[in-house]
PDB file of N, CA and C in Angstrom:
ATOM      1  N   MET A   1      40.678 -15.068  -5.091  1.00  0.00           N
ATOM      2  CA  MET A   1      39.213 -14.957  -4.537  1.00  0.00           C
ATOM      3  C   MET A   1      38.367 -14.875  -5.743  1.00  0.00           C
ATOM      4  N   SER A   2      37.076 -15.798  -5.517  1.00  0.00           N
ATOM      5  CA  SER A   2      35.911 -15.626  -6.372  1.00  0.00           C
ATOM      6  C   SER A   2      35.326 -14.504  -6.529  1.00  0.00           C
ATOM      7  N   PRO A   3      34.640 -14.018  -7.702  1.00  0.00           N
ATOM      8  CA  PRO A   3      33.932 -12.736  -7.825  1.00  0.00           C
ATOM      9  C   PRO A   3      32.721 -12.618  -6.801  1.00  0.00           C
ATOM     10  N   SER A   4      32.095 -13.338  -6.148  1.00  0.00           N
ATOM     11  CA  SER A   4      31.239 -13.313  -5.370  1.00  0.00           C
ATOM     12  C   SER A   4      31.780 -13.028  -3.897  1.00  0.00           C
ATOM     13  N   MET A   5      32.851 -13.650  -3.886  1.00  0.00           N
ATOM     14  CA  MET A   5      33.696 -13.316  -2.503  1.00  0.00           C
ATOM     15  C   MET A   5      34.321 -12.134  -2.385  1.00  0.00           C
ATOM     16  N   SER A   6      34.551 -11.647  -3.457  1.00  0.00           N
ATOM     17  CA  SER A   6      35.172 -10.117  -3.746  1.00  0.00           C
ATOM     18  C   SER A   6      34.257  -9.297  -3.466  1.00  0.00           C
ATOM     19  N   TYR A   7      33.045  -9.212  -4.060  1.00  0.00           N
ATOM     20  CA  TYR A   7      31.825  -8.450  -3.893  1.00  0.00           C
ATOM     21  C   TYR A   7      31.359  -8.461  -2.550  1.00  0.00           C
ATOM     22  N   CYS A   8      31.532  -9.619  -1.763  1.00  0.00           N
ATOM     23  CA  CYS A   8      31.136  -9.488  -0.232  1.00  0.00           C
ATOM     24  C   CYS A   8      32.317  -8.817   0.163  1.00  0.00           C
ATOM     25  N   ALA A   9      33.438  -9.133   0.040  1.00  0.00           N
ATOM     26  CA  ALA A   9      34.540  -8.333   0.671  1.00  0.00           C
ATOM     27  C   ALA A   9      34.365  -6.574   0.663  1.00  0.00           C
ATOM     28  N   MET A  10      33.914  -6.253  -0.677  1.00  0.00           N
ATOM     29  CA  MET A  10      34.034  -4.825  -0.792  1.00  0.00           C
ATOM     30  C   MET A  10      32.810  -4.163   0.091  1.00  0.00           C
ATOM     31  N   GLU A  11      31.452  -5.034   0.012  1.00  0.00           N
ATOM     32  CA  GLU A  11      30.458  -4.819   0.548  1.00  0.00           C
ATOM     33  C   GLU A  11      30.297  -4.519   2.057  1.00  0.00           C
ATOM     34  N   ASN A  12      31.190  -5.754   2.927  1.00  0.00           N
ATOM     35  CA  ASN A  12      31.560  -5.564   4.224  1.00  0.00           C
ATOM     36  C   ASN A  12      32.446  -4.470   4.534  1.00  0.00           C
ATOM     37  N   THR A  13      33.572  -4.281   3.762  1.00  0.00           N
ATOM     38  CA  THR A  13      34.165  -3.151   3.961  1.00  0.00           C
ATOM     39  C   THR A  13      33.558  -1.914   3.898  1.00  0.00           C
ATOM     40  N   VAL A  14      32.878  -1.635   2.966  1.00  0.00           N
ATOM     41  CA  VAL A  14      32.227  -0.227   2.764  1.00  0.00           C
ATOM     42  C   VAL A  14      31.395  -0.182   4.489  1.00  0.00           C
ATOM     43  N   SER A  15      30.477  -1.162   4.704  1.00  0.00           N
ATOM     44  CA  SER A  15      29.888  -1.261   5.692  1.00  0.00           C
ATOM     45  C   SER A  15      30.921  -1.022   7.089  1.00  0.00           C
ATOM     46  N   GLU A  16      32.078  -1.564   7.234  1.00  0.00           N
ATOM     47  CA  GLU A  16      32.796  -1.297   8.192  1.00  0.00           C
ATOM     48  C   GLU A  16      33.371   0.171   8.364  1.00  0.00           C
ATOM     49  N   LEU A  17      33.760   0.717   6.970  1.00  0.00           N
ATOM     50  CA  LEU A  17      34.093   1.607   7.141  1.00  0.00           C
ATOM     51  C   LEU A  17      33.342   2.971   7.557  1.00  0.00           C
ATOM     52  N   GLU A  18      31.959   2.445   7.056  1.00  0.00           N
ATOM     53  CA  GLU A  18      30.868   3.815   7.714  1.00  0.00           C
ATOM     54  C   GLU A  18      30.943   3.814   9.092  1.00  0.00           C
ATOM     55  N   GLN A  19      31.227   2.339   9.869  1.00  0.00           N
ATOM     56  CA  GLN A  19      31.263   2.108  11.275  1.00  0.00           C
ATOM     57  C   GLN A  19      32.517   3.085  12.040  1.00  0.00           C
ATOM     58  N   VAL A  20      33.575   3.143  10.906  1.00  0.00           N
ATOM     59  CA  VAL A  20      34.861   3.868  11.446  1.00  0.00           C
ATOM     60  C   VAL A  20      34.620   5.140  11.439  1.00  0.00           C
ATOM     61  N   VAL A  21      33.788   5.753  10.229  1.00  0.00           N
ATOM     62  CA  VAL A  21      33.666   7.138  10.135  1.00  0.00           C
ATOM     63  C   VAL A  21      32.671   7.715  11.535  1.00  0.00           C
ATOM     64  N   GLU A  22      31.977   6.888  11.894  1.00  0.00           N
ATOM     65  CA  GLU A  22      30.949   7.229  12.993  1.00  0.00           C
ATOM     66  C   GLU A  22      31.988   7.082  14.505  1.00  0.00           C
ATOM     67  N   ILE A  23      32.717   6.236  14.332  1.00  0.00           N
ATOM     68  CA  ILE A  23      33.638   6.267  15.537  1.00  0.00           C
ATOM     69  C   ILE A  23      34.499   7.387  15.801  1.00  0.00           C
ATOM     70  N   LEU A  24      35.177   7.823  14.752  1.00  0.00           N
ATOM     71  CA  LEU A  24      36.140   9.139  14.574  1.00  0.00           C
ATOM     72  C   LEU A  24      35.112  10.204  14.855  1.00  0.00           C
ATOM     73  N   GLU A  25      34.251  10.084  14.161  1.00  0.00           N
ATOM     74  CA  GLU A  25      33.111  11.485  14.489  1.00  0.00           C
ATOM     75  C   GLU A  25      33.109  11.576  16.091  1.00  0.00           C
ATOM     76  N   GLU A  26      32.576  10.415  16.753  1.00  0.00           N
ATOM     77  CA  GLU A  26      32.382  10.513  18.110  1.00  0.00           C
ATOM     78  C   GLU A  26      33.553  10.873  18.818  1.00  0.00           C
ATOM     79  N   ALA A  27      34.620  10.528  18.547  1.00  0.00           N
ATOM     80  CA  ALA A  27      35.939  10.509  19.173  1.00  0.00           C
ATOM     81  C   ALA A  27      36.272  11.732  18.998  1.00  0.00           C
ATOM     82  N   ILE A  28      36.067  12.392  18.017  1.00  0.00           N
ATOM     83  CA  ILE A  28      36.486  13.973  17.788  1.00  0.00           C
ATOM     84  C   ILE A  28      35.334  14.649  18.726  1.00  0.00           C
ATOM     85  N   ARG A  29      34.087  14.584  18.847  1.00  0.00           N
ATOM     86  CA  ARG A  29      33.389  15.340  19.582  1.00  0.00           C
ATOM     87  C   ARG A  29      33.803  15.206  21.166  1.00  0.00           C
ATOM     88  N   ASN A  30      34.006  14.027  21.276  1.00  0.00           N
ATOM     89  CA  ASN A  30      34.644  13.686  22.989  1.00  0.00           C
ATOM     90  C   ASN A  30      35.943  14.084  23.191  1.00  0.00           C
ATOM     91  N   ASN A  31      36.671  14.692  22.511  1.00  0.00           N
ATOM     92  CA  ASN A  31      37.981  15.168  22.378  1.00  0.00           C
ATOM     93  C   ASN A  31      38.826  14.124  22.716  1.00  0.00           C
ATOM     94  N   TYR A  32      38.546  12.874  22.092  1.00  0.00           N
ATOM     95  CA  TYR A  32      39.345  11.589  21.909  1.00  0.00           C
ATOM     96  C   TYR A  32      39.692  10.749  23.602  1.00  0.00           C
ATOM     97  N   HIS A  33      38.634  11.197  24.077  1.00  0.00           N
ATOM     98  CA  HIS A  33      38.915  10.283  25.736  1.00  0.00           C
ATOM     99  C   HIS A  33      38.536   9.217  25.538  1.00  0.00           C
ATOM    100  N   ASP A  34      37.646   8.570  24.668  1.00  0.00           N
ATOM    101  CA  ASP A  34      37.505   7.122  24.651  1.00  0.00           C
ATOM    102  C   ASP A  34      38.085   6.129  24.077  1.00  0.00           C
ATOM    103  N   MET A  35      39.286   6.786  23.243  1.00  0.00           N
ATOM    104  CA  MET A  35      40.177   6.059  22.519  1.00  0.00           C
ATOM    105  C   MET A  35      41.349   5.291  23.272  1.00  0.00           C
ATOM    106  N   ASN A  36      41.541   3.927  22.931  1.00  0.00           N
ATOM    107  CA  ASN A  36      42.876   3.661  23.647  1.00  0.00           C
ATOM    108  C   ASN A  36      43.805   3.451  22.621  1.00  0.00           C
ATOM    109  N   SER A  37      45.048   3.294  23.107  1.00  0.00           N
ATOM    110  CA  SER A  37      46.245   3.258  22.368  1.00  0.00           C
ATOM    111  C   SER A  37      46.113   2.056  20.931  1.00  0.00           C
ATOM    112  N   TYR A  38      45.470   1.107  21.234  1.00  0.00           N
ATOM    113  CA  TYR A  38      45.441   0.054  20.213  1.00  0.00           C
ATOM    114  C   TYR A  38      44.426   0.639  19.060  1.00  0.00           C
ATOM    115  N   GLU A  39      43.177   1.298  19.375  1.00  0.00           N
ATOM    116  CA  GLU A  39      42.552   2.318  18.502  1.00  0.00           C
ATOM    117  C   GLU A  39      43.053   3.107  17.719  1.00  0.00           C
ATOM    118  N   VAL A  40      44.084   3.874  18.281  1.00  0.00           N
ATOM    119  CA  VAL A  40      44.896   4.844  17.646  1.00  0.00           C
ATOM    120  C   VAL A  40      45.868   4.326  16.954  1.00  0.00           C
ATOM    121  N   ASP A  41      46.526   3.473  17.284  1.00  0.00           N
ATOM    122  CA  ASP A  41      47.581   2.509  16.329  1.00  0.00           C
ATOM    123  C   ASP A  41      46.965   2.139  14.737  1.00  0.00           C
ATOM    124  N   SER A  42      45.685   1.656  15.415  1.00  0.00           N
ATOM    125  CA  SER A  42      44.807   1.140  14.107  1.00  0.00           C
ATOM    126  C   SER A  42      44.616   2.011  13.064  1.00  0.00           C
ATOM    127  N   LEU A  43      44.221   3.150  13.672  1.00  0.00           N
ATOM    128  CA  LEU A  43      43.953   4.340  12.880  1.00  0.00           C
ATOM    129  C   LEU A  43      44.918   4.696  12.131  1.00  0.00           C
ATOM    130  N   ASP A  44      46.225   4.619  12.844  1.00  0.00           N
ATOM    131  CA  ASP A  44      47.549   4.902  11.768  1.00  0.00           C
ATOM    132  C   ASP A  44      47.497   4.070  10.637  1.00  0.00           C
ATOM    133  N   ARG A  45      47.339   2.604  10.937  1.00  0.00           N
ATOM    134  CA  ARG A  45      47.410   1.547   9.700  1.00  0.00           C
ATOM    135  C   ARG A  45      46.402   2.059   8.834  1.00  0.00           C
ATOM    136  N   LEU A  46      44.971   2.228   9.192  1.00  0.00           N
ATOM    137  CA  LEU A  46      43.981   2.550   8.166  1.00  0.00           C
ATOM    138  C   LEU A  46      44.392   3.910   7.568  1.00  0.00           C
ATOM    139  N   GLU A  47      44.784   4.801   8.122  1.00  0.00           N
ATOM    140  CA  GLU A  47      45.157   5.971   7.464  1.00  0.00           C
ATOM    141  C   GLU A  47      46.406   5.660   6.209  1.00  0.00           C
ATOM    142  N   SER A  48      47.180   4.802   6.535  1.00  0.00           N
ATOM    143  CA  SER A  48      48.204   4.336   5.244  1.00  0.00           C
ATOM    144  C   SER A  48      47.473   3.433   4.544  1.00  0.00           C
ATOM    145  N   LEU A  49      46.736   2.409   4.813  1.00  0.00           N
ATOM    146  CA  LEU A  49      45.615   1.868   3.726  1.00  0.00           C
ATOM    147  C   LEU A  49      45.039   2.504   2.918  1.00  0.00           C
ATOM    148  N   SER A  50      44.505   3.559   3.760  1.00  0.00           N
ATOM    149  CA  SER A  50      43.452   4.627   3.005  1.00  0.00           C
ATOM    150  C   SER A  50      44.021   5.272   1.762  1.00  0.00           C
ATOM    151  N   LYS A  51      45.268   5.738   1.808  1.00  0.00           N
ATOM    152  CA  LYS A  51      46.179   6.152   1.124  1.00  0.00           C
ATOM    153  C   LYS A  51      46.257   5.381  -0.051  1.00  0.00           C
ATOM    154  N   ASP A  52      46.853   4.027   0.073  1.00  0.00           N
ATOM    155  CA  ASP A  52      47.164   3.333  -1.167  1.00  0.00           C
ATOM    156  C   ASP A  52      45.569   2.589  -1.722  1.00  0.00           C
ATOM    157  N   VAL A  53      44.439   2.923  -0.974  1.00  0.00           N
ATOM    158  CA  VAL A  53      43.351   2.491  -1.713  1.00  0.00           C
ATOM    159  C   VAL A  53      42.960   3.535  -2.526  1.00  0.00           C
ATOM    160  N   VAL A  54      42.935   5.013  -1.956  1.00  0.00           N
ATOM    161  CA  VAL A  54      42.738   5.962  -2.961  1.00  0.00           C
ATOM    162  C   VAL A  54      43.601   6.175  -4.361  1.00  0.00           C
ATOM    163  N   LYS A  55      44.938   5.704  -4.082  1.00  0.00           N
ATOM    164  CA  LYS A  55      45.997   5.698  -5.226  1.00  0.00           C
ATOM    165  C   LYS A  55      45.293   4.612  -6.474  1.00  0.00           C
ATOM    166  N   LEU A  56      45.261   3.347  -5.625  1.00  0.00           N
ATOM    167  CA  LEU A  56      44.487   2.216  -6.414  1.00  0.00           C
ATOM    168  C   LEU A  56      43.429   2.606  -7.247  1.00  0.00           C
ATOM    169  N   LEU A  57      42.239   3.237  -6.496  1.00  0.00           N
ATOM    170  CA  LEU A  57      41.260   3.674  -6.914  1.00  0.00           C
ATOM    171  C   LEU A  57      41.233   4.703  -8.195  1.00  0.00           C
ATOM    172  N   LYS A  58      41.963   5.563  -8.249  1.00  0.00           N
ATOM    173  CA  LYS A  58      42.399   6.430  -9.355  1.00  0.00           C
ATOM    174  C   LYS A  58      42.982   5.665 -10.543  1.00  0.00           C
ATOM    175  N   GLN A  59      43.792   4.748 -10.219  1.00  0.00           N
ATOM    176  CA  GLN A  59      44.611   3.843 -11.351  1.00  0.00           C
ATOM    177  C   GLN A  59      43.324   3.132 -11.926  1.00  0.00           C
ATOM    178  N   PHE A  60      42.326   2.451 -10.982  1.00  0.00           N
ATOM    179  CA  PHE A  60      41.543   1.632 -11.571  1.00  0.00           C
ATOM    180  C   PHE A  60      40.456   2.480 -12.480  1.00  0.00           C
ATOM    181  N   HIS A  61      39.795   3.460 -11.806  1.00  0.00           N
ATOM    182  CA  HIS A  61      39.063   4.336 -12.843  1.00  0.00           C
ATOM    183  C   HIS A  61      39.588   4.895 -13.971  1.00  0.00           C
ATOM    184  N   THR A  62      40.988   5.079 -14.137  1.00  0.00           N
ATOM    185  CA  THR A  62      41.617   5.753 -15.079  1.00  0.00           C
ATOM    186  C   THR A  62      41.630   4.572 -16.328  1.00  0.00           C
ATOM    187  N   ASN A  63      41.964   3.355 -15.836  1.00  0.00           N
ATOM    188  CA  ASN A  63      42.136   2.283 -16.852  1.00  0.00           C
ATOM    189  C   ASN A  63      40.824   1.793 -17.213  1.00  0.00           C
ATOM    190  N   ARG A  64      40.009   1.940 -16.202  1.00  0.00           N
ATOM    191  CA  ARG A  64      38.250   1.391 -16.729  1.00  0.00           C
ATOM    192  C   ARG A  64      38.093   2.314 -17.858  1.00  0.00           C
ATOM    193  N   ILE A  65      38.262   3.541 -17.737  1.00  0.00           N
ATOM    194  CA  ILE A  65      37.924   4.645 -18.764  1.00  0.00           C
ATOM    195  C   ILE A  65      38.482   4.328 -20.135  1.00  0.00           C
ATOM    196  N   LYS A  66      39.895   4.069 -19.892  1.00  0.00           N
ATOM    197  CA  LYS A  66      40.660   3.759 -21.080  1.00  0.00           C
ATOM    198  C   LYS A  66      40.073   2.626 -21.925  1.00  0.00           C
ATOM    199  N   HIS A  67      39.954   1.491 -21.018  1.00  0.00           N
ATOM    200  CA  HIS A  67      39.588   0.194 -21.239  1.00  0.00           C
ATOM    201  C   HIS A  67      37.909   0.282 -22.043  1.00  0.00           C
ATOM    202  N   LYS A  68      37.161   0.942 -21.535  1.00  0.00           N
ATOM    203  CA  LYS A  68      35.849   1.470 -22.041  1.00  0.00           C
ATOM    204  C   LYS A  68      36.070   2.213 -23.532  1.00  0.00           C
ATOM    205  N   ASP A  69      37.058   3.097 -23.569  1.00  0.00           N
ATOM    206  CA  ASP A  69      37.145   3.869 -24.683  1.00  0.00           C
ATOM    207  C   ASP A  69      37.585   3.101 -25.747  1.00  0.00           C
ATOM    208  N   HIS A  70      38.627   2.000 -25.306  1.00  0.00           N
ATOM    209  CA  HIS A  70      39.096   1.069 -26.318  1.00  0.00           C
ATOM    210  C   HIS A  70      38.119  -0.103 -27.097  1.00  0.00           C
ATOM    211  N   GLU A  71      37.233  -0.206 -25.973  1.00  0.00           N
ATOM    212  CA  GLU A  71      36.268  -1.071 -26.691  1.00  0.00           C
ATOM    213  C   GLU A  71      35.230  -0.547 -27.485  1.00  0.00           C
ATOM    214  N   ALA A  72      35.038   0.842 -27.259  1.00  0.00           N
ATOM    215  CA  ALA A  72      34.107   1.410 -27.827  1.00  0.00           C
ATOM    216  C   ALA A  72      34.806   1.697 -29.428  1.00  0.00           C
ATOM    217  N   ASP A  73      36.103   1.969 -29.515  1.00  0.00           N
ATOM    218  CA  ASP A  73      36.837   2.292 -30.692  1.00  0.00           C
ATOM    219  C   ASP A  73      36.632   1.094 -31.707  1.00  0.00           C
ATOM    220  N   GLU A  74      37.000  -0.160 -30.794  1.00  0.00           N
ATOM    221  CA  GLU A  74      36.822  -1.376 -31.390  1.00  0.00           C
ATOM    222  C   GLU A  74      35.491  -1.777 -32.066  1.00  0.00           C
ATOM    223  N   ALA A  75      34.654  -1.518 -31.224  1.00  0.00           N
ATOM    224  CA  ALA A  75      32.899  -1.752 -31.793  1.00  0.00           C
ATOM    225  C   ALA A  75      32.834  -0.824 -33.030  1.00  0.00           C
ATOM    226  N   MET A  76      33.114   0.437 -32.800  1.00  0.00           N
ATOM    227  CA  MET A  76      33.072   1.482 -34.310  1.00  0.00           C
ATOM    228  C   MET A  76      33.767   1.009 -35.357  1.00  0.00           C
ATOM    229  N   ASP A  77      35.055   0.298 -35.233  1.00  0.00           N
ATOM    230  CA  ASP A  77      35.828  -0.122 -36.356  1.00  0.00           C
ATOM    231  C   ASP A  77      34.990  -1.475 -36.811  1.00  0.00           C
ATOM    232  N   ALA A  78      34.602  -2.353 -35.997  1.00  0.00           N
ATOM    233  CA  ALA A  78      33.593  -3.412 -36.325  1.00  0.00           C
ATOM    234  C   ALA A  78      32.507  -3.138 -37.088  1.00  0.00           C
ATOM    235  N   ASP A  79      31.975  -1.940 -36.840  1.00  0.00           N
ATOM    236  CA  ASP A  79      30.767  -1.438 -37.736  1.00  0.00           C
ATOM    237  C   ASP A  79      31.384  -0.756 -38.949  1.00  0.00           C
ATOM    238  N   ASP A  80      32.179  -0.255 -39.061  1.00  0.00           N
ATOM    239  CA  ASP A  80      32.710   0.161 -40.301  1.00  0.00           C
ATOM    240  C   ASP A  80      32.891  -0.794 -41.369  1.00  0.00           C
ATOM    241  N   GLU A  81      33.522  -1.821 -40.958  1.00  0.00           N
ATOM    242  CA  GLU A  81      33.950  -3.324 -41.561  1.00  0.00           C
ATOM    243  C   GLU A  81      32.631  -3.541 -42.311  1.00  0.00           C
ATOM    244  N   TRP A  82      31.445  -3.490 -41.490  1.00  0.00           N
ATOM    245  CA  TRP A  82      30.144  -3.979 -42.147  1.00  0.00           C
ATOM    246  C   TRP A  82      29.378  -2.901 -42.832  1.00  0.00           C
ATOM    247  N   ASP A  83      29.821  -1.964 -42.790  1.00  0.00           N
ATOM    248  CA  ASP A  83      28.789  -0.727 -43.483  1.00  0.00           C
ATOM    249  C   ASP A  83      28.436  -0.947 -44.658  1.00  0.00           C
ATOM    250  N   ILE A  84      27.095  -1.214 -44.956  1.00  0.00           N
ATOM    251  CA  ILE A  84      26.614  -1.336 -46.068  1.00  0.00           C
ATOM    252  C   ILE A  84      25.829   0.027 -46.790  1.00  0.00           C
ATOM    253  N   ASP A  85      25.930   0.329 -47.902  1.00  0.00           N
ATOM    254  CA  ASP A  85      25.421   1.656 -48.362  1.00  0.00           C
ATOM    255  C   ASP A  85      23.916   1.132 -48.738  1.00  0.00           C
ATOM    256  N   ASP A  86      23.221   1.746 -48.281  1.00  0.00           N
ATOM    257  CA  ASP A  86      21.875   1.305 -48.185  1.00  0.00           C
ATOM    258  C   ASP A  86      21.089   1.803 -49.948  1.00  0.00           C
ATOM    259  N   ASP A  87      21.745   3.095 -49.981  1.00  0.00           N
ATOM    260  CA  ASP A  87      21.447   3.374 -51.285  1.00  0.00           C
ATOM    261  C   ASP A  87      21.627   2.709 -52.663  1.00  0.00           C
ATOM    262  N   ASP A  88      22.640   2.174 -52.487  1.00  0.00           N
ATOM    263  CA  ASP A  88      23.436   1.053 -53.585  1.00  0.00           C
ATOM    264  C   ASP A  88      22.398  -0.061 -53.747  1.00  0.00           C
ATOM    265  N   SER A  89      22.175  -0.653 -52.727  1.00  0.00           N
ATOM    266  CA  SER A  89      21.172  -1.884 -52.511  1.00  0.00           C
ATOM    267  C   SER A  89      20.151  -1.417 -53.122  1.00  0.00           C
ATOM    268  N   ASP A  90      19.485  -0.155 -53.035  1.00  0.00           N
ATOM    269  CA  ASP A  90      18.156   0.195 -53.701  1.00  0.00           C
ATOM    270  C   ASP A  90      18.173   0.445 -55.150  1.00  0.00           C
ATOM    271  N   ASP A  91      19.352   0.786 -55.765  1.00  0.00           N
ATOM    272  CA  ASP A  91      19.402   0.983 -56.993  1.00  0.00           C
ATOM    273  C   ASP A  91      19.602  -0.290 -57.902  1.00  0.00           C
ATOM    274  N   ASP A  92      20.160  -1.437 -57.228  1.00  0.00           N
ATOM    275  CA  ASP A  92      20.216  -3.041 -57.667  1.00  0.00           C
ATOM    276  C   ASP A  92      19.029  -3.228 -57.988  1.00  0.00           C
ATOM    277  N   VAL A  93      18.085  -3.083 -57.014  1.00  0.00           N
ATOM    278  CA  VAL A  93      16.584  -3.597 -56.773  1.00  0.00           C
ATOM    279  C   VAL A  93      16.063  -3.043 -58.147  1.00  0.00           C
ATOM    280  N   GLU A  94      16.010  -1.632 -58.232  1.00  0.00           N
ATOM    281  CA  GLU A  94      15.257  -0.754 -59.367  1.00  0.00           C
ATOM    282  C   GLU A  94      15.732  -1.319 -60.788  1.00  0.00           C
ATOM    283  N   SER A  95      16.901  -1.284 -60.849  1.00  0.00           N
ATOM    284  CA  SER A  95      17.563  -1.670 -62.367  1.00  0.00           C
ATOM    285  C   SER A  95      17.089  -2.970 -62.753  1.00  0.00           C
ATOM    286  N   GLU A  96      16.693  -4.155 -61.878  1.00  0.00           N
ATOM    287  CA  GLU A  96      16.622  -5.568 -61.995  1.00  0.00           C
ATOM    288  C   GLU A  96      15.126  -5.087 -62.515  1.00  0.00           C
ATOM    289  N   GLN A  97      14.354  -4.332 -61.888  1.00  0.00           N
ATOM    290  CA  GLN A  97      12.805  -4.443 -62.413  1.00  0.00           C
ATOM    291  C   GLN A  97      12.661  -3.982 -64.035  1.00  0.00           C
TER     292      GLN A  97
END
């Protein structure tokens, strides 16, 4: 899936999940009278998928933090390699004069 399609899928899914939340809230208020067996079966599947999503999101965020920490460490290492002591360069200029 291309990145733009992935973005659309995420955005559309968030919108749909917001709608599911509203449907569930209404069903609870109405003591579940308006829900048919197909909806209940779909909610069972949604519950299972939601658990998978939560698990994967935790993994995603953990790995993303580790990745950012690793990038920061690499950037610091690169800075250390090119660290120039400014005091030494000033001494060289003064001694030449």
